Amino acid sequence: MSALRELVTLDKDWVPNGEESSLYIRPFMFGTEPFLGVKASDSYRFMIILSPSGRYYATPVKVKIEKHFVRAAKGGTGFAKAAGNYAASLRPAQLAKADGYDQLIWTDAQEHKYIEEAGTMNIMFVINDALVTPALSGSILPGVTRDSILQIARSWGMKVEERQVSVDELVQAMEQGTLSEAFGAGTAATISHIRTIGHEGIDYDLPHVEDGPVANKIKSYLNDFKRGRVEDTFGWNMKV
């Protein structure tokens, strides 16, 4: 943390001022042992890089429920921010883009019955006025933005559900109009609105896209929170 404070201080002139922008901080670590073979490294290098970052997705995204390819499986590294997690997602994402989609909604590796993540983000839904997100299962990243949103929503008295969300439930909610909002949550995107969800050749357009009352309220609050415009009641902010 001492090194991070010093680094941000050195690069303070790179901090952007736009509401949809931020100074992206990425700590990472890699093995440095000079060894050719298959084993865990005995030496590592820890580094932190910074970069000004704008809005990750310029417009609400169109996504497709993926029921063939797998991003991560239980017992693997889906719960961690590992570079290898992205490898399996790249080809399926290319195929989805060729079909006119921006990204994928990933399902569980065993049965493809349950929703897990959206692209490189956690995913959240507003169903019957409740904020619903897939429960952590070992293959879902416990993202800090995900956790922040859930804590904020609960502090506001919202009904929050962390549980299994089946594909069938989601499709039924879209068909019946009880799904009012869907959005991704991640470090770079913070909140990314989902405008359309595709499933087995049918595209479902969501009613609240950029004007989603829940997503926009949380996004606005997070922006105010990060910039010190509201009281830090959670003890999250660190002034540099």
Foldseek 3Di string as FASTA:
>chain_A
DVVVVVVCVVVVVQADDDLQKGWDKDKDKDADDPDPDDDDHPDMDIDIDIHIAGAPDPFFWAEEEDQPFAQFAAVGQLQDPDPVSCVSQVVVCVVVVVVPGNWYFYAYPPGSFWTADIHPFFKWWQFQQAIEGEADDRNHHPAPLVVVLVVVCVVVVGHYYHHTDTPVNVVVCLVVVRTQFMWTDHDRNRTHGHQWYHYPHDIRGHDDTPNPPSRVVSSVVVSCVQVVVDDPPPPPDDDD
